[in-house]
Amino acid sequence: MSDFDSALARHDAVGSSKALDADLMAAFCRDVLQQVVGAASPKLVWEGARKKGLTTRELAELAIRDVLAVSDLQWL
C-alpha cells in the first residue's frame, strides 16, 4: 500500500473533520482536484505537494490560482 493509499484509508476511517492534514489533502486530491484543474494524477500531485511542504489549504488555493503550478507538482 502506498503512502497515498494509507493517507486515504486514514482519512476515510476518521472523516475530514478529524483527519490529519496530509490525509485530508489526499482526499482533496482524490475527490476534488481533477474537477478544479483537469487532467492530473491525484497521487502524483499529493506527493509533490507533500515534498513542497504545502498544506491542504495552500494546495486548494494554488489549484484556484494556478492550474499549471498544480500540474507541475506531479513531476517533483
PDB file of N, CA and C in Angstrom:
ATOM      1  N   MET A   1       0.859  -1.178   0.000  1.00  0.00           N
ATOM      2  CA  MET A   1       0.000   0.000   0.000  1.00  0.00           C
ATOM      3  C   MET A   1       0.904   1.240   0.000  1.00  0.00           C
ATOM      4  N   SER A   2       0.625   2.181  -0.894  1.00  0.00           N
ATOM      5  CA  SER A   2       1.429   3.398  -0.987  1.00  0.00           C
ATOM      6  C   SER A   2       1.104   4.361   0.151  1.00  0.00           C
ATOM      7  N   ASP A   3       1.956   5.357   0.331  1.00  0.00           N
ATOM      8  CA  ASP A   3       1.693   6.391   1.335  1.00  0.00           C
ATOM      9  C   ASP A   3       0.372   7.094   1.038  1.00  0.00           C
ATOM     10  N   PHE A   4       0.114   7.345  -0.251  1.00  0.00           N
ATOM     11  CA  PHE A   4      -1.130   7.992  -0.666  1.00  0.00           C
ATOM     12  C   PHE A   4      -2.333   7.143  -0.267  1.00  0.00           C
ATOM     13  N   ASP A   5      -2.259   5.860  -0.555  1.00  0.00           N
ATOM     14  CA  ASP A   5      -3.353   4.948  -0.208  1.00  0.00           C
ATOM     15  C   ASP A   5      -3.554   4.873   1.307  1.00  0.00           C
ATOM     16  N   SER A   6      -2.460   4.872   2.039  1.00  0.00           N
ATOM     17  CA  SER A   6      -2.547   4.848   3.508  1.00  0.00           C
ATOM     18  C   SER A   6      -3.205   6.118   4.028  1.00  0.00           C
ATOM     19  N   ALA A   7      -2.840   7.258   3.431  1.00  0.00           N
ATOM     20  CA  ALA A   7      -3.439   8.536   3.841  1.00  0.00           C
ATOM     21  C   ALA A   7      -4.940   8.528   3.565  1.00  0.00           C
ATOM     22  N   LEU A   8      -5.328   7.998   2.416  1.00  0.00           N
ATOM     23  CA  LEU A   8      -6.756   7.914   2.094  1.00  0.00           C
ATOM     24  C   LEU A   8      -7.490   7.001   3.072  1.00  0.00           C
ATOM     25  N   ALA A   9      -6.874   5.893   3.410  1.00  0.00           N
ATOM     26  CA  ALA A   9      -7.505   4.952   4.356  1.00  0.00           C
ATOM     27  C   ALA A   9      -7.685   5.604   5.721  1.00  0.00           C
ATOM     28  N   ARG A  10      -6.659   6.340   6.174  1.00  0.00           N
ATOM     29  CA  ARG A  10      -6.778   7.022   7.471  1.00  0.00           C
ATOM     30  C   ARG A  10      -7.871   8.085   7.411  1.00  0.00           C
ATOM     31  N   HIS A  11      -7.925   8.845   6.316  1.00  0.00           N
ATOM     32  CA  HIS A  11      -8.972   9.860   6.159  1.00  0.00           C
ATOM     33  C   HIS A  11     -10.343   9.222   6.200  1.00  0.00           C
ATOM     34  N   ASP A  12     -10.508   8.184   5.423  1.00  0.00           N
ATOM     35  CA  ASP A  12     -11.817   7.531   5.335  1.00  0.00           C
ATOM     36  C   ASP A  12     -12.237   6.921   6.670  1.00  0.00           C
ATOM     37  N   ALA A  13     -11.259   6.536   7.488  1.00  0.00           N
ATOM     38  CA  ALA A  13     -11.574   5.933   8.784  1.00  0.00           C
ATOM     39  C   ALA A  13     -12.074   6.966   9.791  1.00  0.00           C
ATOM     40  N   VAL A  14     -11.550   8.207   9.713  1.00  0.00           N
ATOM     41  CA  VAL A  14     -11.907   9.204  10.733  1.00  0.00           C
ATOM     42  C   VAL A  14     -12.757  10.349  10.204  1.00  0.00           C
ATOM     43  N   GLY A  15     -12.763  10.566   8.893  1.00  0.00           N
ATOM     44  CA  GLY A  15     -13.523  11.668   8.317  1.00  0.00           C
ATOM     45  C   GLY A  15     -12.716  12.954   8.243  1.00  0.00           C
ATOM     46  N   SER A  16     -13.189  13.883   7.433  1.00  0.00           N
ATOM     47  CA  SER A  16     -12.457  15.124   7.173  1.00  0.00           C
ATOM     48  C   SER A  16     -12.248  15.976   8.403  1.00  0.00           C
ATOM     49  N   SER A  17     -13.222  16.024   9.286  1.00  0.00           N
ATOM     50  CA  SER A  17     -13.105  16.917  10.445  1.00  0.00           C
ATOM     51  C   SER A  17     -12.040  16.470  11.440  1.00  0.00           C
ATOM     52  N   LYS A  18     -11.673  15.194  11.409  1.00  0.00           N
ATOM     53  CA  LYS A  18     -10.683  14.681  12.360  1.00  0.00           C
ATOM     54  C   LYS A  18      -9.393  14.221  11.687  1.00  0.00           C
ATOM     55  N   ALA A  19      -9.314  14.365  10.384  1.00  0.00           N
ATOM     56  CA  ALA A  19      -8.160  13.867   9.638  1.00  0.00           C
ATOM     57  C   ALA A  19      -6.948  14.772   9.814  1.00  0.00           C
ATOM     58  N   LEU A  20      -5.775  14.158   9.771  1.00  0.00           N
ATOM     59  CA  LEU A  20      -4.533  14.925   9.700  1.00  0.00           C
ATOM     60  C   LEU A  20      -4.488  15.637   8.358  1.00  0.00           C
ATOM     61  N   ASP A  21      -3.717  16.717   8.275  1.00  0.00           N
ATOM     62  CA  ASP A  21      -3.706  17.499   7.045  1.00  0.00           C
ATOM     63  C   ASP A  21      -3.268  16.675   5.835  1.00  0.00           C
ATOM     64  N   ALA A  22      -2.245  15.849   5.983  1.00  0.00           N
ATOM     65  CA  ALA A  22      -1.782  15.033   4.856  1.00  0.00           C
ATOM     66  C   ALA A  22      -2.888  14.093   4.370  1.00  0.00           C
ATOM     67  N   ASP A  23      -3.678  13.580   5.301  1.00  0.00           N
ATOM     68  CA  ASP A  23      -4.770  12.680   4.945  1.00  0.00           C
ATOM     69  C   ASP A  23      -5.913  13.446   4.291  1.00  0.00           C
ATOM     70  N   LEU A  24      -6.187  14.631   4.791  1.00  0.00           N
ATOM     71  CA  LEU A  24      -7.214  15.493   4.187  1.00  0.00           C
ATOM     72  C   LEU A  24      -6.805  15.886   2.773  1.00  0.00           C
ATOM     73  N   MET A  25      -5.516  16.204   2.594  1.00  0.00           N
ATOM     74  CA  MET A  25      -5.028  16.562   1.266  1.00  0.00           C
ATOM     75  C   MET A  25      -5.181  15.398   0.290  1.00  0.00           C
ATOM     76  N   ALA A  26      -4.929  14.185   0.747  1.00  0.00           N
ATOM     77  CA  ALA A  26      -5.095  13.021  -0.122  1.00  0.00           C
ATOM     78  C   ALA A  26      -6.545  12.897  -0.584  1.00  0.00           C
ATOM     79  N   ALA A  27      -7.473  13.109   0.331  1.00  0.00           N
ATOM     80  CA  ALA A  27      -8.894  13.049  -0.034  1.00  0.00           C
ATOM     81  C   ALA A  27      -9.261  14.187  -0.984  1.00  0.00           C
ATOM     82  N   PHE A  28      -8.710  15.376  -0.753  1.00  0.00           N
ATOM     83  CA  PHE A  28      -8.944  16.506  -1.659  1.00  0.00           C
ATOM     84  C   PHE A  28      -8.442  16.150  -3.056  1.00  0.00           C
ATOM     85  N   CYS A  29      -7.251  15.578  -3.135  1.00  0.00           N
ATOM     86  CA  CYS A  29      -6.701  15.202  -4.437  1.00  0.00           C
ATOM     87  C   CYS A  29      -7.552  14.134  -5.120  1.00  0.00           C
ATOM     88  N   ARG A  30      -8.033  13.182  -4.341  1.00  0.00           N
ATOM     89  CA  ARG A  30      -8.849  12.098  -4.898  1.00  0.00           C
ATOM     90  C   ARG A  30     -10.227  12.598  -5.337  1.00  0.00           C
ATOM     91  N   ASP A  31     -10.848  13.455  -4.519  1.00  0.00           N
ATOM     92  CA  ASP A  31     -12.263  13.787  -4.712  1.00  0.00           C
ATOM     93  C   ASP A  31     -12.535  15.092  -5.452  1.00  0.00           C
ATOM     94  N   VAL A  32     -11.610  16.037  -5.415  1.00  0.00           N
ATOM     95  CA  VAL A  32     -11.904  17.386  -5.919  1.00  0.00           C
ATOM     96  C   VAL A  32     -10.927  17.852  -6.997  1.00  0.00           C
ATOM     97  N   LEU A  33      -9.685  17.492  -6.873  1.00  0.00           N
ATOM     98  CA  LEU A  33      -8.617  18.067  -7.683  1.00  0.00           C
ATOM     99  C   LEU A  33      -8.900  18.066  -9.178  1.00  0.00           C
ATOM    100  N   GLN A  34      -9.288  16.939  -9.732  1.00  0.00           N
ATOM    101  CA  GLN A  34      -9.491  16.850 -11.174  1.00  0.00           C
ATOM    102  C   GLN A  34     -10.655  17.711 -11.652  1.00  0.00           C
ATOM    103  N   GLN A  35     -11.614  17.963 -10.808  1.00  0.00           N
ATOM    104  CA  GLN A  35     -12.716  18.851 -11.183  1.00  0.00           C
ATOM    105  C   GLN A  35     -12.249  20.299 -11.261  1.00  0.00           C
ATOM    106  N   VAL A  36     -11.228  20.636 -10.484  1.00  0.00           N
ATOM    107  CA  VAL A  36     -10.734  22.012 -10.452  1.00  0.00           C
ATOM    108  C   VAL A  36      -9.658  22.240 -11.504  1.00  0.00           C
ATOM    109  N   VAL A  37      -8.700  21.324 -11.632  1.00  0.00           N
ATOM    110  CA  VAL A  37      -7.558  21.559 -12.522  1.00  0.00           C
ATOM    111  C   VAL A  37      -7.560  20.707 -13.787  1.00  0.00           C
ATOM    112  N   GLY A  38      -8.433  19.746 -13.891  1.00  0.00           N
ATOM    113  CA  GLY A  38      -8.475  18.897 -15.072  1.00  0.00           C
ATOM    114  C   GLY A  38      -7.597  17.670 -14.908  1.00  0.00           C
ATOM    115  N   ALA A  39      -6.970  17.264 -16.004  1.00  0.00           N
ATOM    116  CA  ALA A  39      -6.201  16.012 -16.025  1.00  0.00           C
ATOM    117  C   ALA A  39      -4.952  16.136 -15.172  1.00  0.00           C
ATOM    118  N   ALA A  40      -5.001  15.535 -14.011  1.00  0.00           N
ATOM    119  CA  ALA A  40      -3.862  15.497 -13.097  1.00  0.00           C
ATOM    120  C   ALA A  40      -3.973  14.225 -12.278  1.00  0.00           C
ATOM    121  N   SER A  41      -2.841  13.662 -11.962  1.00  0.00           N
ATOM    122  CA  SER A  41      -2.827  12.455 -11.140  1.00  0.00           C
ATOM    123  C   SER A  41      -2.960  12.843  -9.670  1.00  0.00           C
ATOM    124  N   PRO A  42      -4.029  12.447  -9.012  1.00  0.00           N
ATOM    125  CA  PRO A  42      -4.185  12.782  -7.599  1.00  0.00           C
ATOM    126  C   PRO A  42      -2.985  12.350  -6.754  1.00  0.00           C
ATOM    127  N   LYS A  43      -2.497  11.144  -7.004  1.00  0.00           N
ATOM    128  CA  LYS A  43      -1.367  10.628  -6.220  1.00  0.00           C
ATOM    129  C   LYS A  43      -0.105  11.445  -6.454  1.00  0.00           C
ATOM    130  N   LEU A  44       0.211  11.744  -7.705  1.00  0.00           N
ATOM    131  CA  LEU A  44       1.432  12.490  -8.009  1.00  0.00           C
ATOM    132  C   LEU A  44       1.355  13.931  -7.511  1.00  0.00           C
ATOM    133  N   VAL A  45       0.192  14.549  -7.619  1.00  0.00           N
ATOM    134  CA  VAL A  45       0.039  15.907  -7.095  1.00  0.00           C
ATOM    135  C   VAL A  45       0.201  15.891  -5.579  1.00  0.00           C
ATOM    136  N   TRP A  46      -0.417  14.917  -4.915  1.00  0.00           N
ATOM    137  CA  TRP A  46      -0.292  14.809  -3.456  1.00  0.00           C
ATOM    138  C   TRP A  46       1.165  14.636  -3.050  1.00  0.00           C
ATOM    139  N   GLU A  47       1.872  13.751  -3.753  1.00  0.00           N
ATOM    140  CA  GLU A  47       3.278  13.525  -3.423  1.00  0.00           C
ATOM    141  C   GLU A  47       4.097  14.800  -3.624  1.00  0.00           C
ATOM    142  N   GLY A  48       3.862  15.520  -4.719  1.00  0.00           N
ATOM    143  CA  GLY A  48       4.583  16.759  -4.984  1.00  0.00           C
ATOM    144  C   GLY A  48       4.262  17.847  -3.974  1.00  0.00           C
ATOM    145  N   ALA A  49       3.002  17.950  -3.612  1.00  0.00           N
ATOM    146  CA  ALA A  49       2.593  18.954  -2.625  1.00  0.00           C
ATOM    147  C   ALA A  49       3.225  18.653  -1.273  1.00  0.00           C
ATOM    148  N   ARG A  50       3.305  17.387  -0.905  1.00  0.00           N
ATOM    149  CA  ARG A  50       3.939  16.998   0.354  1.00  0.00           C
ATOM    150  C   ARG A  50       5.435  17.320   0.314  1.00  0.00           C
ATOM    151  N   LYS A  51       6.086  17.066  -0.818  1.00  0.00           N
ATOM    152  CA  LYS A  51       7.511  17.369  -0.956  1.00  0.00           C
ATOM    153  C   LYS A  51       7.779  18.872  -0.807  1.00  0.00           C
ATOM    154  N   LYS A  52       6.837  19.678  -1.315  1.00  0.00           N
ATOM    155  CA  LYS A  52       6.995  21.133  -1.212  1.00  0.00           C
ATOM    156  C   LYS A  52       6.550  21.675   0.139  1.00  0.00           C
ATOM    157  N   GLY A  53       5.953  20.829   0.975  1.00  0.00           N
ATOM    158  CA  GLY A  53       5.516  21.263   2.292  1.00  0.00           C
ATOM    159  C   GLY A  53       4.221  22.055   2.290  1.00  0.00           C
ATOM    160  N   LEU A  54       3.405  21.859   1.264  1.00  0.00           N
ATOM    161  CA  LEU A  54       2.129  22.575   1.183  1.00  0.00           C
ATOM    162  C   LEU A  54       1.099  21.976   2.138  1.00  0.00           C
ATOM    163  N   THR A  55       0.212  22.810   2.605  1.00  0.00           N
ATOM    164  CA  THR A  55      -0.942  22.342   3.369  1.00  0.00           C
ATOM    165  C   THR A  55      -2.089  22.117   2.395  1.00  0.00           C
ATOM    166  N   THR A  56      -3.140  21.492   2.874  1.00  0.00           N
ATOM    167  CA  THR A  56      -4.313  21.292   2.026  1.00  0.00           C
ATOM    168  C   THR A  56      -4.872  22.627   1.567  1.00  0.00           C
ATOM    169  N   ARG A  57      -4.940  23.580   2.481  1.00  0.00           N
ATOM    170  CA  ARG A  57      -5.461  24.904   2.125  1.00  0.00           C
ATOM    171  C   ARG A  57      -4.595  25.561   1.052  1.00  0.00           C
ATOM    172  N   GLU A  58      -3.285  25.476   1.195  1.00  0.00           N
ATOM    173  CA  GLU A  58      -2.387  26.069   0.204  1.00  0.00           C
ATOM    174  C   GLU A  58      -2.543  25.400  -1.151  1.00  0.00           C
ATOM    175  N   LEU A  59      -2.694  24.084  -1.161  1.00  0.00           N
ATOM    176  CA  LEU A  59      -2.903  23.363  -2.422  1.00  0.00           C
ATOM    177  C   LEU A  59      -4.225  23.779  -3.053  1.00  0.00           C
ATOM    178  N   ALA A  60      -5.272  23.887  -2.274  1.00  0.00           N
ATOM    179  CA  ALA A  60      -6.580  24.293  -2.810  1.00  0.00           C
ATOM    180  C   ALA A  60      -6.509  25.700  -3.390  1.00  0.00           C
ATOM    181  N   GLU A  61      -5.838  26.609  -2.698  1.00  0.00           N
ATOM    182  CA  GLU A  61      -5.693  27.976  -3.207  1.00  0.00           C
ATOM    183  C   GLU A  61      -4.861  27.998  -4.480  1.00  0.00           C
ATOM    184  N   LEU A  62      -3.809  27.185  -4.531  1.00  0.00           N
ATOM    185  CA  LEU A  62      -2.990  27.087  -5.729  1.00  0.00           C
ATOM    186  C   LEU A  62      -3.802  26.547  -6.902  1.00  0.00           C
ATOM    187  N   ALA A  63      -4.656  25.579  -6.638  1.00  0.00           N
ATOM    188  CA  ALA A  63      -5.490  24.994  -7.695  1.00  0.00           C
ATOM    189  C   ALA A  63      -6.414  26.036  -8.310  1.00  0.00           C
ATOM    190  N   ILE A  64      -6.902  26.946  -7.497  1.00  0.00           N
ATOM    191  CA  ILE A  64      -7.781  28.008  -8.000  1.00  0.00           C
ATOM    192  C   ILE A  64      -6.985  29.053  -8.771  1.00  0.00           C
ATOM    193  N   ARG A  65      -5.788  29.357  -8.277  1.00  0.00           N
ATOM    194  CA  ARG A  65      -4.967  30.436  -8.810  1.00  0.00           C
ATOM    195  C   ARG A  65      -4.110  30.038 -10.002  1.00  0.00           C
ATOM    196  N   ASP A  66      -3.553  28.834  -9.990  1.00  0.00           N
ATOM    197  CA  ASP A  66      -2.535  28.485 -10.977  1.00  0.00           C
ATOM    198  C   ASP A  66      -2.576  26.986 -11.293  1.00  0.00           C
ATOM    199  N   VAL A  67      -3.382  26.629 -12.250  1.00  0.00           N
ATOM    200  CA  VAL A  67      -3.563  25.225 -12.641  1.00  0.00           C
ATOM    201  C   VAL A  67      -2.243  24.606 -13.088  1.00  0.00           C
ATOM    202  N   LEU A  68      -1.435  25.360 -13.810  1.00  0.00           N
ATOM    203  CA  LEU A  68      -0.173  24.811 -14.297  1.00  0.00           C
ATOM    204  C   LEU A  68       0.802  24.518 -13.159  1.00  0.00           C
ATOM    205  N   ALA A  69       0.785  25.322 -12.120  1.00  0.00           N
ATOM    206  CA  ALA A  69       1.646  25.065 -10.963  1.00  0.00           C
ATOM    207  C   ALA A  69       1.233  23.767 -10.274  1.00  0.00           C
ATOM    208  N   VAL A  70      -0.051  23.502 -10.220  1.00  0.00           N
ATOM    209  CA  VAL A  70      -0.529  22.237  -9.650  1.00  0.00           C
ATOM    210  C   VAL A  70      -0.068  21.075 -10.528  1.00  0.00           C
ATOM    211  N   SER A  71      -0.180  21.238 -11.820  1.00  0.00           N
ATOM    212  CA  SER A  71       0.280  20.196 -12.738  1.00  0.00           C
ATOM    213  C   SER A  71       1.770  19.934 -12.557  1.00  0.00           C
ATOM    214  N   ASP A  72       2.545  20.986 -12.358  1.00  0.00           N
ATOM    215  CA  ASP A  72       3.997  20.834 -12.163  1.00  0.00           C
ATOM    216  C   ASP A  72       4.341  20.019 -10.917  1.00  0.00           C
ATOM    217  N   LEU A  73       3.458  20.015  -9.918  1.00  0.00           N
ATOM    218  CA  LEU A  73       3.711  19.235  -8.714  1.00  0.00           C
ATOM    219  C   LEU A  73       3.853  17.750  -9.008  1.00  0.00           C
ATOM    220  N   GLN A  74       3.266  17.312 -10.106  1.00  0.00           N
ATOM    221  CA  GLN A  74       3.328  15.892 -10.476  1.00  0.00           C
ATOM    222  C   GLN A  74       4.741  15.428 -10.797  1.00  0.00           C
ATOM    223  N   TRP A  75       5.615  16.348 -11.102  1.00  0.00           N
ATOM    224  CA  TRP A  75       6.942  15.984 -11.610  1.00  0.00           C
ATOM    225  C   TRP A  75       8.069  16.243 -10.613  1.00  0.00           C
ATOM    226  N   LEU A  76       7.713  16.478  -9.349  1.00  0.00           N
ATOM    227  CA  LEU A  76       8.751  16.707  -8.332  1.00  0.00           C
ATOM    228  C   LEU A  76       9.290  15.391  -7.804  1.00  0.00           C
TER     229      LEU A  76
END
